[in-house]
Amino acid sequence: MSDVELAIVENLKRLRKGHGVLSVDLDGRITQDFRQLFSATADSGDELRARLVAYLEDLVLPLPEQLTTVVRVALNLPPVVDRQRKLEQRKEHLAEQFCCDTRTIVRRIDEAFDLMAHNAVRDHGMIVALGARDQGWYVDVFDAVLRLDQPAPEAIERSTIVVTARNLDRIVTSTDVPRHPEDRGTNRGLSRELMFGGLLEDSAQSSPTHFRTAITLPRTLGKDSRHTYCLISRIPEGQPMAPHYVCVPDRACRHFTLLVRFHSERVPARVWKLDGVPYRTIDERIPTSDLLVPDRAAEVSAQFRDLKPNHGYGIQWSDE
């Protein structure tokens, strides 16, 4: 376990004492290094508690159901808040609930804290490594639906971002439209429509295959704010599309869900998932072992977490 993980576990152990996150001496319970992980070095009182609880909720999210319950009771996290019981009483309550002794409960709490520390270092490190704090925002959730059952391919792309800058008024996104292997044309075409979540400032083509879109946000967003917007991207009718939809993140992206709906009369022979492949290998169109089978609606889907830069995540297909 790294020094950072050890420090996180130590802070969690301090937090569980007494009334947990509801303790009146919360300001003195946690270290400045720990506060930095959720941008609360200058906060106190209820504002500190709100930021801390939101951060702990993120760390609890990936835990198994039983460990989630153990952590919520141990730290007094909503919705199992108990303003009367102190830690020993909460441990006894858990022991009764899971039909074990309190020593077993302490081991489960420690196990959960270790997992939370690992999640904290992984997620924080990923965001910093990608420079999201310098860029002002990162993507928490990205959901895309690619419709190939229309006269022209259409992607409905919904993104929820988290602001890391002090203030954010606009964002810029980019998209590549790679050539189909049999397409001899020079320039690609792409139209973009902002369905909701702001104003489409401009959409420019910076190279034959690369498109840049600037969005003015509906209001100025402060640090740690969350915002959702939705773009619809359409390839011109008659322009062949490369047989894949792949996200290659240039900033932190924590969750990505993709659904591809094929035309019922043009279902490809093979469909496979690309999960973190080097982006330069995508055009080689080599099937992975993770094959996908279209359902009766001619749809396939895939989910991804903690996307790495310069790696491809998505779905690819072939008629061969």
Protein backbone atom coordinates (compact mmCIF):
# COMPACT_ATOMS: atom_id res chain seq x y z
CA MET A 1 0.00 0.00 0.00
CA SER A 2 1.37 3.43 -0.95
CA ASP A 3 2.01 6.28 1.50
CA VAL A 4 -1.03 8.11 0.12
CA GLU A 5 -3.28 5.08 0.63
CA LEU A 6 -1.98 4.66 4.18
CA ALA A 7 -2.76 8.33 4.90
CA ILE A 8 -6.29 7.93 3.51
CA VAL A 9 -6.95 4.85 5.64
CA GLU A 10 -5.68 6.70 8.73
CA ASN A 11 -8.06 9.60 8.03
CA LEU A 12 -10.99 7.22 7.54
CA LYS A 13 -10.21 5.57 10.87
CA ARG A 14 -10.24 8.99 12.55
CA LEU A 15 -13.54 9.83 10.88
CA ARG A 16 -15.35 6.73 12.09
CA LYS A 17 -14.91 7.59 15.77
CA GLY A 18 -17.71 9.12 17.80
CA HIS A 19 -20.54 10.28 15.54
CA GLY A 20 -18.57 9.83 12.31
CA VAL A 21 -19.00 12.51 9.67
CA LEU A 22 -21.59 14.19 11.89
CA SER A 23 -19.03 14.93 14.62
CA VAL A 24 -18.82 18.58 15.62
CA ASP A 25 -15.00 18.47 15.60
CA LEU A 26 -14.84 17.37 11.96
CA ASP A 27 -12.40 20.19 11.05
CA GLY A 28 -9.75 18.75 13.36
CA ARG A 29 -10.35 15.11 12.43
CA ILE A 30 -8.75 15.11 8.98
CA THR A 31 -5.37 16.22 7.65
CA GLN A 32 -4.65 18.86 5.03
CA ASP A 33 -3.24 16.22 2.67
CA PHE A 34 -6.52 14.34 2.82
CA ARG A 35 -8.51 17.55 2.25
CA GLN A 36 -6.54 18.18 -0.94
CA LEU A 37 -7.97 15.02 -2.49
CA PHE A 38 -11.43 16.59 -2.56
CA SER A 39 -10.43 20.27 -2.87
CA ALA A 40 -11.46 21.32 0.65
CA THR A 41 -8.26 22.76 2.11
CA ALA A 42 -9.93 26.09 2.91
CA ASP A 43 -13.37 24.78 3.92
CA SER A 44 -14.83 24.29 7.39
CA GLY A 45 -18.09 23.43 9.12
CA ASP A 46 -21.06 22.42 6.98
CA GLU A 47 -19.26 23.23 3.72
CA LEU A 48 -16.41 20.87 4.62
CA ARG A 49 -18.88 18.19 5.67
CA ALA A 50 -20.79 18.47 2.37
CA ARG A 51 -17.62 18.15 0.28
CA LEU A 52 -16.36 15.28 2.41
CA VAL A 53 -19.62 13.34 2.18
CA ALA A 54 -19.76 13.80 -1.61
CA TYR A 55 -16.17 12.54 -1.89
CA LEU A 56 -16.83 9.51 0.31
CA GLU A 57 -19.92 8.69 -1.75
CA ASP A 58 -17.68 8.41 -4.82
CA LEU A 59 -15.31 6.06 -2.99
CA VAL A 60 -18.16 3.90 -1.67
CA LEU A 61 -19.80 3.50 -5.09
CA PRO A 62 -17.64 0.59 -6.40
CA LEU A 63 -17.81 -1.40 -3.13
CA PRO A 64 -19.81 -4.64 -2.82
CA GLU A 65 -23.24 -4.20 -1.26
CA GLN A 66 -22.30 -5.60 2.17
CA LEU A 67 -19.17 -3.45 2.47
CA THR A 68 -21.18 -0.42 1.37
CA THR A 69 -23.56 -0.98 4.30
CA VAL A 70 -20.66 -1.48 6.71
CA VAL A 71 -18.99 1.76 5.62
CA ARG A 72 -22.18 3.82 5.75
CA VAL A 73 -22.91 2.72 9.31
CA ALA A 74 -19.27 3.02 10.42
CA LEU A 75 -18.90 6.57 9.09
CA ASN A 76 -22.52 7.59 9.69
CA LEU A 77 -23.06 8.34 6.00
CA PRO A 78 -26.57 8.96 4.64
CA PRO A 79 -29.05 7.34 4.45
CA VAL A 80 -28.18 5.30 7.58
CA VAL A 81 -27.36 8.32 9.76
CA ASP A 82 -27.76 7.75 13.51
CA ARG A 83 -27.22 10.90 15.53
CA GLN A 84 -27.40 9.06 18.86
CA ARG A 85 -25.18 6.00 18.56
CA LYS A 86 -21.41 6.27 18.82
CA LEU A 87 -18.99 3.96 17.02
CA GLU A 88 -19.12 1.04 19.50
CA GLN A 89 -22.90 1.04 19.36
CA ARG A 90 -22.90 1.19 15.57
CA LYS A 91 -20.49 -1.77 15.43
CA GLU A 92 -22.79 -3.76 17.71
CA HIS A 93 -25.71 -2.91 15.44
CA LEU A 94 -23.77 -4.20 12.41
CA ALA A 95 -22.79 -7.37 14.27
CA GLU A 96 -26.46 -8.09 14.97
CA GLN A 97 -27.41 -7.31 11.38
CA PHE A 98 -24.80 -9.68 9.90
CA CYS A 99 -24.95 -12.30 12.68
CA CYS A 100 -21.28 -12.08 13.67
CA ASP A 101 -19.13 -10.62 16.43
CA THR A 102 -17.78 -7.05 16.54
CA ARG A 103 -14.23 -8.21 15.77
CA THR A 104 -15.45 -9.48 12.42
CA ILE A 105 -17.17 -6.14 11.80
CA VAL A 106 -13.91 -4.27 12.53
CA ARG A 107 -12.12 -6.48 9.99
CA ARG A 108 -14.82 -5.74 7.39
CA ILE A 109 -14.57 -2.01 8.07
CA ASP A 110 -10.79 -2.13 7.65
CA GLU A 111 -11.19 -4.15 4.44
CA ALA A 112 -13.61 -1.56 3.08
CA PHE A 113 -11.32 1.33 4.03
CA ASP A 114 -8.42 -0.33 2.18
CA LEU A 115 -10.57 -0.62 -0.96
CA MET A 116 -11.73 2.98 -0.65
CA ALA A 117 -8.12 4.16 -0.36
CA HIS A 118 -7.21 2.21 -3.48
CA ASN A 119 -10.15 3.76 -5.36
CA ALA A 120 -9.20 7.23 -4.14
CA VAL A 121 -5.59 6.97 -5.36
CA ARG A 122 -6.62 5.41 -8.66
CA ASP A 123 -9.26 8.02 -9.51
CA HIS A 124 -7.31 11.04 -8.23
CA GLY A 125 -4.16 9.89 -9.99
CA MET A 126 -6.01 9.35 -13.24
CA ILE A 127 -7.49 12.84 -13.22
CA VAL A 128 -4.19 14.54 -12.39
CA ALA A 129 -2.26 12.45 -14.91
CA LEU A 130 -4.55 13.55 -17.71
CA GLY A 131 -4.19 17.20 -16.76
CA ALA A 132 -7.91 17.65 -16.17
CA ARG A 133 -7.29 20.13 -13.37
CA ASP A 134 -5.40 22.33 -15.84
CA GLN A 135 -8.04 21.94 -18.52
CA GLY A 136 -10.82 22.96 -16.18
CA TRP A 137 -13.09 19.93 -16.36
CA TYR A 138 -13.28 16.18 -16.81
CA VAL A 139 -15.95 13.71 -17.94
CA ASP A 140 -17.67 11.73 -15.22
CA VAL A 141 -20.22 9.92 -17.39
CA PHE A 142 -20.35 9.60 -21.19
CA ASP A 143 -23.29 7.74 -22.78
CA ALA A 144 -23.44 7.28 -26.55
CA VAL A 145 -26.04 5.68 -28.81
CA LEU A 146 -24.95 5.07 -32.41
CA ARG A 147 -27.83 4.55 -34.81
CA LEU A 148 -26.95 2.77 -38.04
CA ASP A 149 -30.60 2.05 -38.86
CA GLN A 150 -31.09 5.57 -40.23
CA PRO A 151 -30.43 6.87 -43.79
CA ALA A 152 -27.15 8.26 -42.38
CA PRO A 153 -25.22 7.29 -39.20
CA GLU A 154 -26.26 9.31 -36.16
CA ALA A 155 -24.65 9.39 -32.70
CA ILE A 156 -26.51 10.74 -29.67
CA GLU A 157 -23.82 11.63 -27.14
CA ARG A 158 -24.73 12.63 -23.58
CA SER A 159 -21.95 13.80 -21.26
CA THR A 160 -21.88 14.75 -17.58
CA ILE A 161 -18.82 16.81 -16.70
CA VAL A 162 -17.27 17.89 -13.40
CA VAL A 163 -15.65 21.32 -13.16
CA THR A 164 -12.11 21.49 -11.74
CA ALA A 165 -11.48 25.19 -12.50
CA ARG A 166 -12.62 28.01 -10.23
CA ASN A 167 -15.09 29.10 -12.93
CA LEU A 168 -16.05 27.62 -16.28
CA ASP A 169 -18.06 29.35 -19.03
CA ARG A 170 -17.34 27.23 -22.11
CA ILE A 171 -15.95 23.87 -23.13
CA VAL A 172 -14.41 22.54 -26.32
CA THR A 173 -14.83 18.95 -27.52
CA SER A 174 -13.29 17.17 -30.49
CA THR A 175 -14.26 14.26 -32.74
CA ASP A 176 -12.47 12.25 -35.42
CA VAL A 177 -14.37 10.80 -38.37
CA PRO A 178 -11.96 8.21 -39.80
CA ARG A 179 -12.22 7.13 -43.41
CA HIS A 180 -13.92 3.91 -44.38
CA PRO A 181 -11.34 1.53 -45.92
CA GLU A 182 -13.09 1.72 -49.31
CA ASP A 183 -13.68 5.48 -49.28
CA ARG A 184 -11.45 7.40 -51.68
CA GLY A 185 -12.74 10.85 -50.76
CA THR A 186 -10.50 13.52 -49.25
CA ASN A 187 -12.59 15.38 -46.66
CA ARG A 188 -15.01 13.90 -44.17
CA GLY A 189 -18.27 15.60 -43.27
CA LEU A 190 -19.94 15.88 -39.86
CA SER A 191 -22.82 17.98 -38.58
CA ARG A 192 -23.37 18.57 -34.86
CA GLU A 193 -26.52 19.65 -33.04
CA LEU A 194 -26.65 20.58 -29.38
CA MET A 195 -29.78 18.90 -28.05
CA PHE A 196 -29.57 20.51 -24.60
CA GLY A 197 -27.12 21.82 -22.02
CA GLY A 198 -25.83 25.05 -23.57
CA LEU A 199 -25.38 26.96 -26.82
CA LEU A 200 -23.46 25.69 -29.83
CA GLU A 201 -20.80 28.37 -30.24
CA ASP A 202 -19.11 26.95 -33.33
CA SER A 203 -18.13 23.68 -34.97
CA ALA A 204 -15.04 23.76 -37.14
CA GLN A 205 -13.10 21.22 -39.18
CA SER A 206 -9.43 21.50 -38.20
CA SER A 207 -8.25 18.70 -40.55
CA PRO A 208 -9.83 16.40 -43.18
CA THR A 209 -10.97 14.03 -40.41
CA HIS A 210 -10.91 16.12 -37.19
CA PHE A 211 -13.76 18.31 -35.92
CA ARG A 212 -13.75 20.77 -33.02
CA THR A 213 -16.92 21.95 -31.27
CA ALA A 214 -17.14 24.83 -28.78
CA ILE A 215 -20.09 25.02 -26.38
CA THR A 216 -21.11 28.03 -24.30
CA LEU A 217 -22.49 26.79 -21.02
CA PRO A 218 -25.94 28.03 -19.94
CA ARG A 219 -24.38 29.67 -16.85
CA THR A 220 -21.00 30.05 -15.21
CA LEU A 221 -20.15 26.88 -13.32
CA GLY A 222 -18.08 26.86 -10.14
CA LYS A 223 -15.51 24.35 -8.97
CA ASP A 224 -16.89 20.81 -8.38
CA SER A 225 -20.14 21.66 -10.22
CA ARG A 226 -21.67 18.95 -12.40
CA HIS A 227 -23.30 19.68 -15.76
CA THR A 228 -24.92 17.51 -18.43
CA TYR A 229 -25.18 18.29 -22.13
CA CYS A 230 -26.14 16.27 -25.19
CA LEU A 231 -24.75 16.46 -28.72
CA ILE A 232 -26.11 14.77 -31.84
CA SER A 233 -23.48 14.04 -34.49
CA ARG A 234 -24.49 13.07 -38.01
CA ILE A 235 -22.41 11.83 -40.94
CA PRO A 236 -23.74 13.05 -44.31
CA GLU A 237 -25.93 10.61 -46.20
CA GLY A 238 -23.88 8.63 -48.69
CA GLN A 239 -20.56 9.09 -46.85
CA PRO A 240 -19.24 5.66 -45.78
CA MET A 241 -18.51 5.26 -42.08
CA ALA A 242 -15.51 3.39 -40.72
CA PRO A 243 -16.78 0.17 -39.07
CA HIS A 244 -16.30 1.24 -35.46
CA TYR A 245 -17.29 3.74 -32.80
CA VAL A 246 -14.40 4.36 -30.42
CA CYS A 247 -13.67 6.84 -27.63
CA VAL A 248 -9.99 7.80 -27.28
CA PRO A 249 -10.04 10.21 -24.30
CA ASP A 250 -7.85 13.30 -24.19
CA ARG A 251 -8.95 14.04 -20.61
CA ALA A 252 -10.18 12.01 -17.65
CA CYS A 253 -13.29 9.94 -18.38
CA ARG A 254 -14.60 7.77 -15.55
CA HIS A 255 -17.59 5.99 -17.11
CA PHE A 256 -18.44 5.29 -20.77
CA THR A 257 -21.48 3.38 -22.03
CA LEU A 258 -22.02 2.68 -25.73
CA LEU A 259 -24.99 1.17 -27.55
CA VAL A 260 -24.87 0.46 -31.29
CA ARG A 261 -28.10 -0.20 -33.17
CA PHE A 262 -27.49 -1.81 -36.59
CA HIS A 263 -29.93 -1.87 -39.50
CA SER A 264 -31.98 -5.04 -39.16
CA GLU A 265 -31.11 -6.02 -42.76
CA ARG A 266 -27.42 -5.15 -42.46
CA VAL A 267 -26.22 -6.85 -39.28
CA PRO A 268 -22.44 -7.45 -39.53
CA ALA A 269 -20.99 -10.95 -39.40
CA ARG A 270 -18.74 -10.16 -36.42
CA VAL A 271 -18.91 -7.56 -33.67
CA TRP A 272 -16.36 -7.14 -30.89
CA LYS A 273 -15.56 -4.92 -27.92
CA LEU A 274 -12.44 -2.75 -27.78
CA ASP A 275 -11.46 -2.27 -24.16
CA GLY A 276 -8.37 -0.10 -23.78
CA VAL A 277 -6.56 -1.07 -27.00
CA PRO A 278 -3.69 1.16 -28.29
CA TYR A 279 -5.45 3.62 -30.58
CA ARG A 280 -3.01 2.99 -33.44
CA THR A 281 -4.22 -0.61 -33.71
CA ILE A 282 -7.88 0.26 -34.25
CA ASP A 283 -7.55 0.61 -38.03
CA GLU A 284 -6.01 -2.86 -38.24
CA ARG A 285 -9.53 -4.19 -37.54
CA ILE A 286 -8.31 -7.30 -35.73
CA PRO A 287 -11.17 -8.87 -33.72
CA THR A 288 -10.62 -9.22 -30.00
CA SER A 289 -11.71 -12.24 -27.98
CA ASP A 290 -14.54 -10.17 -26.51
CA LEU A 291 -17.17 -10.88 -29.17
CA LEU A 292 -20.64 -9.30 -28.98
CA VAL A 293 -23.83 -10.85 -30.34
CA PRO A 294 -26.55 -8.47 -31.62
CA ASP A 295 -29.92 -9.11 -30.01
CA ARG A 296 -33.29 -9.33 -31.78
CA ALA A 297 -33.33 -5.52 -32.03
CA ALA A 298 -29.94 -5.67 -33.81
CA GLU A 299 -28.31 -3.92 -30.84
CA VAL A 300 -25.09 -4.46 -28.90
CA SER A 301 -23.76 -2.52 -25.92
CA ALA A 302 -20.63 -2.21 -23.80
CA GLN A 303 -19.54 -0.38 -20.66
CA PHE A 304 -16.13 0.94 -19.61
CA ARG A 305 -14.62 2.53 -16.49
CA ASP A 306 -11.56 4.71 -15.86
CA LEU A 307 -10.52 5.22 -19.48
CA LYS A 308 -6.81 5.71 -20.13
CA PRO A 309 -5.39 8.32 -22.54
CA ASN A 310 -4.27 7.19 -25.99
CA HIS A 311 -6.28 3.97 -25.68
CA GLY A 312 -9.45 3.07 -27.55
CA TYR A 313 -12.75 2.03 -25.98
CA GLY A 314 -15.77 1.08 -28.03
CA ILE A 315 -17.27 -1.37 -30.49
CA GLN A 316 -15.96 -2.54 -33.88
CA TRP A 317 -17.49 -4.78 -36.52
CA SER A 318 -16.81 -6.57 -39.81
CA ASP A 319 -18.84 -8.17 -42.59
CA GLU A 320 -16.19 -10.85 -43.10
